[in-house]
């Protein structure tokens, strides 16, 4: 790839959008002069082994705002390092981006969360980071950010407020019955889902949604001085029930009794209490909300 490719982009982007799985519609509807650069052509970028489409950067505009969309993200569980999966954030920050908007699919943990709800992430609990897996580990380069960055307000309050103003001010989103909630996000590496006991432990920690992406990018974005907004779509919810007792089941079997449904064994910790179809329809609603937020920046 030519080293001066950025000279042909026109206005450099002020906003970067990380498009989660199924949430790339906003990238496909960019306005103005659109430039596409495959990840494979950018030194240091890696390509996801999860999504079918090739990862790429798309430069264009949304309502006159110069933006860059990252379509296709890589995960730690694919075998990449933390520095590899967060490298794109470093690149877009050096292009002059001021705001990072991240979209992601999440699982609901809190009892009042349902499939199809859209969440504005207010804070996070990162199990890998607390255990020593932080993308900032290693030598620090002062020109990129401070050695000890403050993550106390990782998710910019002004942007979270803006998201709710955009939501409340859009008649279409209100008429469609979209629910927008604030939530504390828990980051785990995946790719396996959490056990019942782990879900209970995460709830005890105050976590309301959980996912296997986002936080490494957020940490690096904040280290780079970017403002951050994270919007999540709940695509499944974790069961609230306790693990059935094997002893009670054995005693009931010996005595020829039938256990109540709530006490019967289930190997699936995910219970789809909401409408799966509704969850799919909310992809368009999230993309619309994202566009409304960009229009207000």
C-alpha atoms as a PDB file:
ATOM      1  CA  UNK A   1       0.000   0.000   0.000  1.00  0.00           C
ATOM      2  CA  UNK A   2       1.244   3.523  -0.739  1.00  0.00           C
ATOM      3  CA  UNK A   3       2.598   5.312   2.324  1.00  0.00           C
ATOM      4  CA  UNK A   4       0.730   8.523   1.406  1.00  0.00           C
ATOM      5  CA  UNK A   5      -2.750   6.982   1.134  1.00  0.00           C
ATOM      6  CA  UNK A   6      -4.083   9.318   3.838  1.00  0.00           C
ATOM      7  CA  UNK A   7      -3.401  12.337   1.621  1.00  0.00           C
ATOM      8  CA  UNK A   8      -6.249  11.236  -0.664  1.00  0.00           C
ATOM      9  CA  UNK A   9      -8.917  10.963   2.030  1.00  0.00           C
ATOM     10  CA  UNK A  10     -10.144  14.552   2.010  1.00  0.00           C
ATOM     11  CA  UNK A  11     -11.083  15.870   5.492  1.00  0.00           C
ATOM     12  CA  UNK A  12      -9.507  13.627   8.138  1.00  0.00           C
ATOM     13  CA  UNK A  13     -12.068  11.932  10.401  1.00  0.00           C
ATOM     14  CA  UNK A  14     -13.091  13.447  13.726  1.00  0.00           C
ATOM     15  CA  UNK A  15     -15.118  10.407  14.795  1.00  0.00           C
ATOM     16  CA  UNK A  16     -14.251   6.710  14.617  1.00  0.00           C
ATOM     17  CA  UNK A  17     -16.955   4.042  14.779  1.00  0.00           C
ATOM     18  CA  UNK A  18     -16.168   0.434  15.688  1.00  0.00           C
ATOM     19  CA  UNK A  19     -18.901  -1.645  14.064  1.00  0.00           C
ATOM     20  CA  UNK A  20     -19.791  -4.767  16.017  1.00  0.00           C
ATOM     21  CA  UNK A  21     -21.101  -7.956  14.441  1.00  0.00           C
ATOM     22  CA  UNK A  22     -24.158  -7.161  12.326  1.00  0.00           C
ATOM     23  CA  UNK A  23     -23.854  -3.457  13.105  1.00  0.00           C
ATOM     24  CA  UNK A  24     -22.060  -2.299   9.976  1.00  0.00           C
ATOM     25  CA  UNK A  25     -25.147  -0.778   8.296  1.00  0.00           C
ATOM     26  CA  UNK A  26     -24.043   2.703   9.248  1.00  0.00           C
ATOM     27  CA  UNK A  27     -20.720   2.075   7.496  1.00  0.00           C
ATOM     28  CA  UNK A  28     -22.495   0.870   4.357  1.00  0.00           C
ATOM     29  CA  UNK A  29     -24.459   4.140   4.164  1.00  0.00           C
ATOM     30  CA  UNK A  30     -21.628   6.641   4.466  1.00  0.00           C
ATOM     31  CA  UNK A  31     -22.026   9.831   2.449  1.00  0.00           C
ATOM     32  CA  UNK A  32     -19.662  11.974   0.442  1.00  0.00           C
ATOM     33  CA  UNK A  33     -16.499  10.566  -1.084  1.00  0.00           C
ATOM     34  CA  UNK A  34     -16.041   7.113   0.451  1.00  0.00           C
ATOM     35  CA  UNK A  35     -12.621   5.475   0.646  1.00  0.00           C
ATOM     36  CA  UNK A  36     -12.205   1.802   1.566  1.00  0.00           C
ATOM     37  CA  UNK A  37      -8.925   0.317   2.794  1.00  0.00           C
ATOM     38  CA  UNK A  38      -8.771  -3.430   3.599  1.00  0.00           C
ATOM     39  CA  UNK A  39      -6.977  -4.324   6.825  1.00  0.00           C
ATOM     40  CA  UNK A  40      -4.701  -6.580   4.805  1.00  0.00           C
ATOM     41  CA  UNK A  41      -3.205  -3.484   3.147  1.00  0.00           C
ATOM     42  CA  UNK A  42      -2.384  -1.727   6.426  1.00  0.00           C
ATOM     43  CA  UNK A  43       0.884  -2.792   8.116  1.00  0.00           C
ATOM     44  CA  UNK A  44       0.246  -4.052  11.647  1.00  0.00           C
ATOM     45  CA  UNK A  45      -3.479  -4.756  11.180  1.00  0.00           C
ATOM     46  CA  UNK A  46      -4.761  -8.289  11.654  1.00  0.00           C
ATOM     47  CA  UNK A  47      -7.918  -9.839  10.202  1.00  0.00           C
ATOM     48  CA  UNK A  48     -10.653 -11.505  12.217  1.00  0.00           C
ATOM     49  CA  UNK A  49     -11.123 -15.251  11.876  1.00  0.00           C
ATOM     50  CA  UNK A  50     -14.716 -14.938  13.112  1.00  0.00           C
ATOM     51  CA  UNK A  51     -16.496 -12.735  10.585  1.00  0.00           C
ATOM     52  CA  UNK A  52     -16.855 -13.777   6.954  1.00  0.00           C
ATOM     53  CA  UNK A  53     -16.281 -10.326   5.480  1.00  0.00           C
ATOM     54  CA  UNK A  54     -12.781  -8.934   5.175  1.00  0.00           C
ATOM     55  CA  UNK A  55     -11.932  -6.308   7.782  1.00  0.00           C
ATOM     56  CA  UNK A  56     -11.664  -2.800   6.384  1.00  0.00           C
ATOM     57  CA  UNK A  57     -11.582   0.887   7.182  1.00  0.00           C
ATOM     58  CA  UNK A  58     -14.241   3.012   5.513  1.00  0.00           C
ATOM     59  CA  UNK A  59     -13.769   6.776   5.355  1.00  0.00           C
ATOM     60  CA  UNK A  60     -16.707   9.038   4.562  1.00  0.00           C
ATOM     61  CA  UNK A  61     -19.239  11.366   6.150  1.00  0.00           C
ATOM     62  CA  UNK A  62     -22.388  11.194   8.246  1.00  0.00           C
ATOM     63  CA  UNK A  63     -24.462  14.373   7.964  1.00  0.00           C
ATOM     64  CA  UNK A  64     -21.322  16.305   7.052  1.00  0.00           C
ATOM     65  CA  UNK A  65     -19.208  14.849   9.884  1.00  0.00           C
ATOM     66  CA  UNK A  66     -15.982  13.186   8.645  1.00  0.00           C
ATOM     67  CA  UNK A  67     -15.866   9.675  10.114  1.00  0.00           C
ATOM     68  CA  UNK A  68     -13.949   6.431   9.803  1.00  0.00           C
ATOM     69  CA  UNK A  69     -15.687   3.095  10.354  1.00  0.00           C
ATOM     70  CA  UNK A  70     -13.800   0.010  11.492  1.00  0.00           C
ATOM     71  CA  UNK A  71     -15.712  -2.903   9.982  1.00  0.00           C
ATOM     72  CA  UNK A  72     -14.573  -6.226  11.421  1.00  0.00           C
ATOM     73  CA  UNK A  73     -12.887  -6.373  14.820  1.00  0.00           C
ATOM     74  CA  UNK A  74     -10.468  -8.951  16.157  1.00  0.00           C
ATOM     75  CA  UNK A  75     -10.787 -10.678  19.512  1.00  0.00           C
ATOM     76  CA  UNK A  76      -8.234 -11.840  22.036  1.00  0.00           C
ATOM     77  CA  UNK A  77      -9.758 -15.329  21.960  1.00  0.00           C
ATOM     78  CA  UNK A  78      -8.764 -15.686  18.309  1.00  0.00           C
ATOM     79  CA  UNK A  79      -5.161 -15.982  19.441  1.00  0.00           C
ATOM     80  CA  UNK A  80      -4.053 -12.407  18.835  1.00  0.00           C
ATOM     81  CA  UNK A  81      -2.250 -10.343  21.460  1.00  0.00           C
ATOM     82  CA  UNK A  82      -3.841  -7.396  23.243  1.00  0.00           C
ATOM     83  CA  UNK A  83      -1.567  -5.034  21.347  1.00  0.00           C
ATOM     84  CA  UNK A  84      -2.613  -6.537  18.008  1.00  0.00           C
ATOM     85  CA  UNK A  85      -6.336  -6.173  18.613  1.00  0.00           C
ATOM     86  CA  UNK A  86      -5.976  -2.584  19.847  1.00  0.00           C
ATOM     87  CA  UNK A  87      -3.505  -1.418  17.191  1.00  0.00           C
ATOM     88  CA  UNK A  88      -6.275   0.027  14.949  1.00  0.00           C
ATOM     89  CA  UNK A  89      -7.275   2.389  17.768  1.00  0.00           C
ATOM     90  CA  UNK A  90      -3.706   3.669  17.892  1.00  0.00           C
ATOM     91  CA  UNK A  91      -3.787   4.318  14.158  1.00  0.00           C
ATOM     92  CA  UNK A  92      -7.093   6.180  14.115  1.00  0.00           C
ATOM     93  CA  UNK A  93      -6.025   8.301  17.105  1.00  0.00           C
ATOM     94  CA  UNK A  94      -2.944   9.421  15.154  1.00  0.00           C
ATOM     95  CA  UNK A  95      -5.243  10.461  12.283  1.00  0.00           C
ATOM     96  CA  UNK A  96      -6.702  13.118  14.569  1.00  0.00           C
ATOM     97  CA  UNK A  97      -9.884  11.320  15.677  1.00  0.00           C
ATOM     98  CA  UNK A  98     -11.329  12.933  18.800  1.00  0.00           C
ATOM     99  CA  UNK A  99     -14.241  10.615  19.576  1.00  0.00           C
ATOM    100  CA  UNK A 100     -14.531   6.818  19.506  1.00  0.00           C
ATOM    101  CA  UNK A 101     -17.991   5.261  19.286  1.00  0.00           C
ATOM    102  CA  UNK A 102     -18.056   1.503  19.861  1.00  0.00           C
ATOM    103  CA  UNK A 103     -20.985  -0.793  19.083  1.00  0.00           C
ATOM    104  CA  UNK A 104     -21.109  -4.343  20.348  1.00  0.00           C
ATOM    105  CA  UNK A 105     -23.409  -7.299  20.974  1.00  0.00           C
ATOM    106  CA  UNK A 106     -23.751  -8.209  24.654  1.00  0.00           C
ATOM    107  CA  UNK A 107     -25.490 -10.730  26.904  1.00  0.00           C
ATOM    108  CA  UNK A 108     -27.891  -9.474  29.569  1.00  0.00           C
ATOM    109  CA  UNK A 109     -27.124 -10.374  33.195  1.00  0.00           C
ATOM    110  CA  UNK A 110     -29.497  -8.158  35.180  1.00  0.00           C
ATOM    111  CA  UNK A 111     -33.040  -9.419  35.707  1.00  0.00           C
ATOM    112  CA  UNK A 112     -34.591  -6.400  33.980  1.00  0.00           C
ATOM    113  CA  UNK A 113     -32.488  -6.714  30.820  1.00  0.00           C
ATOM    114  CA  UNK A 114     -34.157  -8.253  27.783  1.00  0.00           C
ATOM    115  CA  UNK A 115     -33.281  -9.215  24.228  1.00  0.00           C
ATOM    116  CA  UNK A 116     -33.461  -6.176  21.984  1.00  0.00           C
ATOM    117  CA  UNK A 117     -32.632  -3.639  24.688  1.00  0.00           C
ATOM    118  CA  UNK A 118     -29.958  -1.116  23.731  1.00  0.00           C
ATOM    119  CA  UNK A 119     -27.529  -0.153  26.462  1.00  0.00           C
ATOM    120  CA  UNK A 120     -25.320   2.879  26.984  1.00  0.00           C
ATOM    121  CA  UNK A 121     -22.305   1.576  28.870  1.00  0.00           C
ATOM    122  CA  UNK A 122     -21.612   3.722  31.927  1.00  0.00           C
ATOM    123  CA  UNK A 123     -18.671   1.749  33.325  1.00  0.00           C
ATOM    124  CA  UNK A 124     -17.015  -1.646  33.149  1.00  0.00           C
ATOM    125  CA  UNK A 125     -15.491  -4.446  35.165  1.00  0.00           C
ATOM    126  CA  UNK A 126     -12.674  -6.094  33.227  1.00  0.00           C
ATOM    127  CA  UNK A 127     -11.819  -9.518  34.619  1.00  0.00           C
ATOM    128  CA  UNK A 128      -8.746  -9.935  32.329  1.00  0.00           C
ATOM    129  CA  UNK A 129      -7.395  -6.496  33.270  1.00  0.00           C
ATOM    130  CA  UNK A 130      -7.782  -7.166  36.987  1.00  0.00           C
ATOM    131  CA  UNK A 131      -5.979 -10.484  36.456  1.00  0.00           C
ATOM    132  CA  UNK A 132      -3.023  -8.803  34.728  1.00  0.00           C
ATOM    133  CA  UNK A 133      -3.997  -8.858  31.049  1.00  0.00           C
ATOM    134  CA  UNK A 134      -3.908  -5.174  30.110  1.00  0.00           C
ATOM    135  CA  UNK A 135      -3.177  -3.839  26.596  1.00  0.00           C
ATOM    136  CA  UNK A 136      -0.967  -1.123  28.139  1.00  0.00           C
ATOM    137  CA  UNK A 137       1.497  -3.577  29.705  1.00  0.00           C
ATOM    138  CA  UNK A 138       5.014  -2.985  28.414  1.00  0.00           C
ATOM    139  CA  UNK A 139       7.088   0.120  27.644  1.00  0.00           C
ATOM    140  CA  UNK A 140       5.071   3.331  27.570  1.00  0.00           C
ATOM    141  CA  UNK A 141       5.587   5.942  24.870  1.00  0.00           C
ATOM    142  CA  UNK A 142       4.778   9.361  26.300  1.00  0.00           C
ATOM    143  CA  UNK A 143       3.775  10.712  22.894  1.00  0.00           C
ATOM    144  CA  UNK A 144       0.892   8.217  22.843  1.00  0.00           C
ATOM    145  CA  UNK A 145      -0.331   8.657  26.407  1.00  0.00           C
ATOM    146  CA  UNK A 146       0.610   8.698  30.120  1.00  0.00           C
ATOM    147  CA  UNK A 147       2.228   5.773  31.893  1.00  0.00           C
ATOM    148  CA  UNK A 148      -0.615   5.531  34.428  1.00  0.00           C
ATOM    149  CA  UNK A 149      -3.851   6.634  32.702  1.00  0.00           C
ATOM    150  CA  UNK A 150      -6.959   7.300  34.761  1.00  0.00           C
ATOM    151  CA  UNK A 151      -9.884   5.008  33.885  1.00  0.00           C
ATOM    152  CA  UNK A 152     -12.196   6.412  36.535  1.00  0.00           C
ATOM    153  CA  UNK A 153     -14.420   8.041  33.892  1.00  0.00           C
ATOM    154  CA  UNK A 154     -13.662   5.754  30.962  1.00  0.00           C
ATOM    155  CA  UNK A 155     -17.030   6.404  29.284  1.00  0.00           C
ATOM    156  CA  UNK A 156     -17.489  10.111  28.611  1.00  0.00           C
ATOM    157  CA  UNK A 157     -20.506  11.459  30.497  1.00  0.00           C
ATOM    158  CA  UNK A 158     -21.249  14.177  27.924  1.00  0.00           C
ATOM    159  CA  UNK A 159     -21.502  11.541  25.182  1.00  0.00           C
ATOM    160  CA  UNK A 160     -23.736   9.296  27.283  1.00  0.00           C
ATOM    161  CA  UNK A 161     -26.026  12.264  27.933  1.00  0.00           C
ATOM    162  CA  UNK A 162     -25.961  13.083  24.225  1.00  0.00           C
ATOM    163  CA  UNK A 163     -27.030   9.529  23.386  1.00  0.00           C
ATOM    164  CA  UNK A 164     -30.097   9.824  25.606  1.00  0.00           C
ATOM    165  CA  UNK A 165     -30.938  13.253  24.192  1.00  0.00           C
ATOM    166  CA  UNK A 166     -30.739  11.831  20.671  1.00  0.00           C
ATOM    167  CA  UNK A 167     -32.906   8.872  21.707  1.00  0.00           C
ATOM    168  CA  UNK A 168     -35.557  10.901  23.508  1.00  0.00           C
ATOM    169  CA  UNK A 169     -35.695  13.412  20.681  1.00  0.00           C
ATOM    170  CA  UNK A 170     -36.292  10.861  17.900  1.00  0.00           C
ATOM    171  CA  UNK A 171     -39.967  10.118  17.278  1.00  0.00           C
ATOM    172  CA  UNK A 172     -39.228   7.016  15.219  1.00  0.00           C
ATOM    173  CA  UNK A 173     -37.246   5.336  18.003  1.00  0.00           C
ATOM    174  CA  UNK A 174     -39.948   6.236  20.525  1.00  0.00           C
ATOM    175  CA  UNK A 175     -42.752   4.898  18.335  1.00  0.00           C
ATOM    176  CA  UNK A 176     -40.911   1.615  17.788  1.00  0.00           C
ATOM    177  CA  UNK A 177     -40.776   0.985  21.531  1.00  0.00           C
ATOM    178  CA  UNK A 178     -36.986   0.933  21.762  1.00  0.00           C
ATOM    179  CA  UNK A 179     -35.657   0.645  25.310  1.00  0.00           C
ATOM    180  CA  UNK A 180     -32.390   2.481  26.013  1.00  0.00           C
ATOM    181  CA  UNK A 181     -30.724   1.656  29.329  1.00  0.00           C
ATOM    182  CA  UNK A 182     -27.500   2.542  31.120  1.00  0.00           C
ATOM    183  CA  UNK A 183     -25.504  -0.475  32.206  1.00  0.00           C
ATOM    184  CA  UNK A 184     -22.214  -1.626  33.696  1.00  0.00           C
ATOM    185  CA  UNK A 185     -20.406  -3.912  31.266  1.00  0.00           C
ATOM    186  CA  UNK A 186     -18.275  -6.910  32.208  1.00  0.00           C
ATOM    187  CA  UNK A 187     -15.451  -7.936  29.889  1.00  0.00           C
ATOM    188  CA  UNK A 188     -14.372 -11.572  29.709  1.00  0.00           C
ATOM    189  CA  UNK A 189     -12.061 -13.063  27.106  1.00  0.00           C
ATOM    190  CA  UNK A 190     -14.413 -15.801  25.871  1.00  0.00           C
ATOM    191  CA  UNK A 191     -15.048 -17.574  23.610  1.00  0.00           C
ATOM    192  CA  UNK A 192     -17.025 -19.808  25.981  1.00  0.00           C
ATOM    193  CA  UNK A 193     -20.094 -18.436  27.730  1.00  0.00           C
ATOM    194  CA  UNK A 194     -20.109 -17.988  31.498  1.00  0.00           C
ATOM    195  CA  UNK A 195     -21.280 -20.659  33.948  1.00  0.00           C
ATOM    196  CA  UNK A 196     -24.260 -20.106  36.233  1.00  0.00           C
ATOM    197  CA  UNK A 197     -21.929 -19.479  39.171  1.00  0.00           C
ATOM    198  CA  UNK A 198     -19.902 -17.003  37.138  1.00  0.00           C
ATOM    199  CA  UNK A 199     -23.057 -15.141  36.119  1.00  0.00           C
ATOM    200  CA  UNK A 200     -24.097 -14.935  39.783  1.00  0.00           C
ATOM    201  CA  UNK A 201     -20.626 -13.673  40.733  1.00  0.00           C
ATOM    202  CA  UNK A 202     -20.696 -11.010  38.014  1.00  0.00           C
ATOM    203  CA  UNK A 203     -24.116  -9.810  39.170  1.00  0.00           C
ATOM    204  CA  UNK A 204     -22.741  -9.559  42.722  1.00  0.00           C
ATOM    205  CA  UNK A 205     -19.997  -7.307  41.317  1.00  0.00           C
ATOM    206  CA  UNK A 206     -22.639  -4.997  39.865  1.00  0.00           C
ATOM    207  CA  UNK A 207     -22.350  -6.133  36.242  1.00  0.00           C
ATOM    208  CA  UNK A 208     -25.517  -5.883  34.159  1.00  0.00           C
ATOM    209  CA  UNK A 209     -24.255  -7.023  30.732  1.00  0.00           C
ATOM    210  CA  UNK A 210     -21.294  -9.129  29.646  1.00  0.00           C
ATOM    211  CA  UNK A 211     -19.303  -9.534  26.438  1.00  0.00           C
ATOM    212  CA  UNK A 212     -15.973 -10.598  24.931  1.00  0.00           C
ATOM    213  CA  UNK A 213     -14.987  -7.378  23.144  1.00  0.00           C
ATOM    214  CA  UNK A 214     -14.719  -3.629  23.590  1.00  0.00           C
ATOM    215  CA  UNK A 215     -12.754  -3.039  26.801  1.00  0.00           C
ATOM    216  CA  UNK A 216      -9.218  -3.412  25.359  1.00  0.00           C
ATOM    217  CA  UNK A 217     -10.103  -0.831  22.696  1.00  0.00           C
ATOM    218  CA  UNK A 218     -11.637   1.450  25.347  1.00  0.00           C
ATOM    219  CA  UNK A 219      -8.515   1.301  27.517  1.00  0.00           C
ATOM    220  CA  UNK A 220      -6.249   2.211  24.602  1.00  0.00           C
ATOM    221  CA  UNK A 221      -8.638   4.922  23.412  1.00  0.00           C
ATOM    222  CA  UNK A 222      -8.646   6.577  26.815  1.00  0.00           C
ATOM    223  CA  UNK A 223      -4.861   6.238  27.011  1.00  0.00           C
ATOM    224  CA  UNK A 224      -4.774   8.058  23.657  1.00  0.00           C
ATOM    225  CA  UNK A 225      -6.962  10.886  24.959  1.00  0.00           C
ATOM    226  CA  UNK A 226     -10.122  10.002  23.006  1.00  0.00           C
ATOM    227  CA  UNK A 227     -13.655  10.572  24.266  1.00  0.00           C
ATOM    228  CA  UNK A 228     -15.593   7.298  24.313  1.00  0.00           C
ATOM    229  CA  UNK A 229     -19.198   6.206  23.826  1.00  0.00           C
ATOM    230  CA  UNK A 230     -20.160   2.524  23.885  1.00  0.00           C
ATOM    231  CA  UNK A 231     -23.556   1.286  22.669  1.00  0.00           C
ATOM    232  CA  UNK A 232     -24.482  -2.360  23.173  1.00  0.00           C
ATOM    233  CA  UNK A 233     -27.305  -4.491  21.799  1.00  0.00           C
ATOM    234  CA  UNK A 234     -28.546  -7.308  24.027  1.00  0.00           C
ATOM    235  CA  UNK A 235     -28.764 -10.396  21.820  1.00  0.00           C
ATOM    236  CA  UNK A 236     -29.295 -12.981  24.587  1.00  0.00           C
ATOM    237  CA  UNK A 237     -29.820 -13.065  28.341  1.00  0.00           C
ATOM    238  CA  UNK A 238     -28.409 -15.315  31.038  1.00  0.00           C
ATOM    239  CA  UNK A 239     -30.792 -17.369  33.144  1.00  0.00           C
ATOM    240  CA  UNK A 240     -31.476 -16.149  36.664  1.00  0.00           C
ATOM    241  CA  UNK A 241     -32.183 -19.606  38.098  1.00  0.00           C
ATOM    242  CA  UNK A 242     -29.819 -21.505  40.380  1.00  0.00           C
ATOM    243  CA  UNK A 243     -28.210 -24.791  39.385  1.00  0.00           C
ATOM    244  CA  UNK A 244     -30.689 -27.647  40.037  1.00  0.00           C
ATOM    245  CA  UNK A 245     -29.768 -30.080  42.804  1.00  0.00           C
ATOM    246  CA  UNK A 246     -28.554 -33.452  41.513  1.00  0.00           C
ATOM    247  CA  UNK A 247     -29.242 -34.971  44.933  1.00  0.00           C
ATOM    248  CA  UNK A 248     -32.881 -33.868  44.932  1.00  0.00           C
ATOM    249  CA  UNK A 249     -33.271 -35.151  41.389  1.00  0.00           C
ATOM    250  CA  UNK A 250     -31.848 -38.537  42.385  1.00  0.00           C
ATOM    251  CA  UNK A 251     -34.110 -38.822  45.439  1.00  0.00           C
ATOM    252  CA  UNK A 252     -37.142 -37.858  43.347  1.00  0.00           C
ATOM    253  CA  UNK A 253     -36.254 -40.483  40.737  1.00  0.00           C
ATOM    254  CA  UNK A 254     -35.912 -43.203  43.399  1.00  0.00           C
ATOM    255  CA  UNK A 255     -39.246 -42.239  44.937  1.00  0.00           C
ATOM    256  CA  UNK A 256     -40.944 -41.985  41.544  1.00  0.00           C
ATOM    257  CA  UNK A 257     -41.667 -38.285  41.945  1.00  0.00           C
ATOM    258  CA  UNK A 258     -41.478 -35.481  39.406  1.00  0.00           C
ATOM    259  CA  UNK A 259     -39.475 -32.368  40.222  1.00  0.00           C
ATOM    260  CA  UNK A 260     -41.035 -28.925  39.586  1.00  0.00           C
ATOM    261  CA  UNK A 261     -39.905 -27.432  36.238  1.00  0.00           C
ATOM    262  CA  UNK A 262     -37.802 -24.787  38.006  1.00  0.00           C
ATOM    263  CA  UNK A 263     -35.704 -27.510  39.672  1.00  0.00           C
ATOM    264  CA  UNK A 264     -35.088 -29.630  36.575  1.00  0.00           C
ATOM    265  CA  UNK A 265     -31.655 -29.710  35.001  1.00  0.00           C
ATOM    266  CA  UNK A 266     -30.803 -27.576  32.004  1.00  0.00           C
ATOM    267  CA  UNK A 267     -27.443 -27.476  30.271  1.00  0.00           C
ATOM    268  CA  UNK A 268     -28.152 -24.135  28.566  1.00  0.00           C
ATOM    269  CA  UNK A 269     -27.426 -21.104  30.762  1.00  0.00           C
ATOM    270  CA  UNK A 270     -28.943 -18.817  28.151  1.00  0.00           C
ATOM    271  CA  UNK A 271     -32.681 -18.271  28.311  1.00  0.00           C
ATOM    272  CA  UNK A 272     -34.248 -16.264  25.510  1.00  0.00           C
ATOM    273  CA  UNK A 273     -36.910 -14.478  27.521  1.00  0.00           C
ATOM    274  CA  UNK A 274     -37.407 -11.850  24.854  1.00  0.00           C
ATOM    275  CA  UNK A 275     -38.140 -12.085  21.171  1.00  0.00           C
ATOM    276  CA  UNK A 276     -35.178 -13.214  19.074  1.00  0.00           C
ATOM    277  CA  UNK A 277     -36.830 -11.527  16.093  1.00  0.00           C
ATOM    278  CA  UNK A 278     -37.063  -8.300  18.054  1.00  0.00           C
ATOM    279  CA  UNK A 279     -33.353  -8.515  18.816  1.00  0.00           C
ATOM    280  CA  UNK A 280     -32.623  -8.712  15.090  1.00  0.00           C
ATOM    281  CA  UNK A 281     -34.894  -5.774  14.300  1.00  0.00           C
ATOM    282  CA  UNK A 282     -33.114  -3.639  16.864  1.00  0.00           C
ATOM    283  CA  UNK A 283     -29.961  -3.715  14.730  1.00  0.00           C
ATOM    284  CA  UNK A 284     -31.569  -1.050  12.530  1.00  0.00           C
ATOM    285  CA  UNK A 285     -32.687   0.906  15.589  1.00  0.00           C
ATOM    286  CA  UNK A 286     -29.164   0.925  17.018  1.00  0.00           C
ATOM    287  CA  UNK A 287     -27.760   2.103  13.712  1.00  0.00           C
ATOM    288  CA  UNK A 288     -30.381   4.864  13.598  1.00  0.00           C
ATOM    289  CA  UNK A 289     -29.509   5.930  17.148  1.00  0.00           C
ATOM    290  CA  UNK A 290     -25.840   5.974  16.220  1.00  0.00           C
ATOM    291  CA  UNK A 291     -26.556   8.235  13.256  1.00  0.00           C
ATOM    292  CA  UNK A 292     -28.611  10.583  15.453  1.00  0.00           C
ATOM    293  CA  UNK A 293     -25.733  10.817  17.949  1.00  0.00           C
ATOM    294  CA  UNK A 294     -23.224  11.661  15.198  1.00  0.00           C
ATOM    295  CA  UNK A 295     -25.558  14.360  13.889  1.00  0.00           C
ATOM    296  CA  UNK A 296     -25.492  16.048  17.310  1.00  0.00           C
ATOM    297  CA  UNK A 297     -21.717  16.042  17.775  1.00  0.00           C
END
